[in-house]
Amino acid sequence: MKKIAIAIALVGATFLTTSCRETKTETKEVIREVEVEVETDDAADDGILERTAKEIDKEVNEEVNEEIDKIGNDD
């Protein structure tokens, strides 16, 4: 009988000293706003027509410069 009483006391003490409750963990949510500056390439902003027109302008300018050089070299 004494052993049963000691066993019940140990089991009771174990239940009383341990908690079944959830432990509350406090978390903080931090939101940080950051502004980012991005350099954009002008070619990326242009459409296909603008890019094509620039290429054709370069080619035409080169041809015109060649013709001007030919005319100027008549010395």
Protein backbone atom coordinates (compact mmCIF):
# COMPACT_ATOMS: atom_id res chain seq x y z
CA MET A 1 0.00 0.00 0.00
CA LYS A 2 2.86 2.28 0.82
CA LYS A 3 4.38 1.62 -2.65
CA ILE A 4 1.10 2.49 -4.37
CA ALA A 5 0.82 5.73 -2.41
CA ILE A 6 4.40 6.68 -3.32
CA ALA A 7 3.75 5.84 -6.99
CA ILE A 8 0.56 7.93 -7.03
CA ALA A 9 2.41 10.80 -5.35
CA LEU A 10 5.21 10.63 -7.94
CA VAL A 11 2.76 10.51 -10.83
CA GLY A 12 0.76 13.39 -9.33
CA ALA A 13 3.90 15.45 -8.75
CA THR A 14 4.97 14.80 -12.32
CA PHE A 15 1.64 16.01 -13.70
CA LEU A 16 1.62 19.06 -11.46
CA THR A 17 5.14 20.16 -12.31
CA THR A 18 4.95 19.68 -16.07
CA SER A 19 2.74 21.95 -18.10
CA CYS A 20 0.60 20.85 -21.00
CA ARG A 21 0.03 24.39 -22.18
CA GLU A 22 1.48 25.69 -25.39
CA THR A 23 4.35 28.01 -24.94
CA LYS A 24 3.69 31.33 -26.59
CA THR A 25 6.47 32.50 -28.79
CA GLU A 26 6.28 36.12 -29.78
CA THR A 27 7.45 36.88 -33.26
CA LYS A 28 7.85 40.28 -34.79
CA GLU A 29 7.26 40.80 -38.45
CA VAL A 30 9.52 43.45 -39.88
CA ILE A 31 8.71 44.97 -43.24
CA ARG A 32 11.40 47.03 -44.84
CA GLU A 33 10.73 49.11 -47.92
CA VAL A 34 13.68 49.69 -50.20
CA GLU A 35 13.78 51.87 -53.30
CA VAL A 36 16.00 50.56 -56.04
CA GLU A 37 17.18 52.65 -58.95
CA VAL A 38 17.75 50.71 -62.11
CA GLU A 39 19.56 52.10 -65.11
CA THR A 40 17.66 51.28 -68.24
CA ASP A 41 19.25 50.95 -71.60
CA ASP A 42 17.65 53.16 -74.24
CA ALA A 43 17.80 50.33 -76.74
CA ALA A 44 15.74 48.14 -74.45
CA ASP A 45 13.02 50.79 -74.21
CA ASP A 46 12.74 51.24 -77.97
CA GLY A 47 10.53 49.08 -80.08
CA ILE A 48 11.70 47.02 -83.02
CA LEU A 49 10.91 49.79 -85.50
CA GLU A 50 13.04 52.31 -83.62
CA ARG A 51 15.97 49.91 -83.36
CA THR A 52 15.73 49.03 -87.07
CA ALA A 53 15.55 52.72 -88.01
CA LYS A 54 18.69 53.45 -85.97
CA GLU A 55 20.59 50.65 -87.73
CA ILE A 56 19.50 51.90 -91.16
CA ASP A 57 20.48 55.46 -90.18
CA LYS A 58 23.94 54.24 -89.22
CA GLU A 59 24.36 52.42 -92.53
CA VAL A 60 23.14 55.39 -94.56
CA ASN A 61 25.38 57.77 -92.63
CA GLU A 62 28.39 55.54 -93.33
CA GLU A 63 27.58 55.45 -97.05
CA VAL A 64 27.12 59.24 -97.14
CA ASN A 65 30.43 59.74 -95.33
CA GLU A 66 32.18 57.45 -97.84
CA GLU A 67 30.74 59.43 -100.76
CA ILE A 68 31.80 62.72 -99.17
CA ASP A 69 35.30 61.33 -98.68
CA LYS A 70 35.43 60.27 -102.38
CA ILE A 71 34.32 63.71 -103.53
CA GLY A 72 36.73 65.47 -101.19
CA ASN A 73 39.72 63.38 -102.39
CA ASP A 74 39.69 64.80 -105.97
CA ASP A 75 42.77 66.95 -105.27
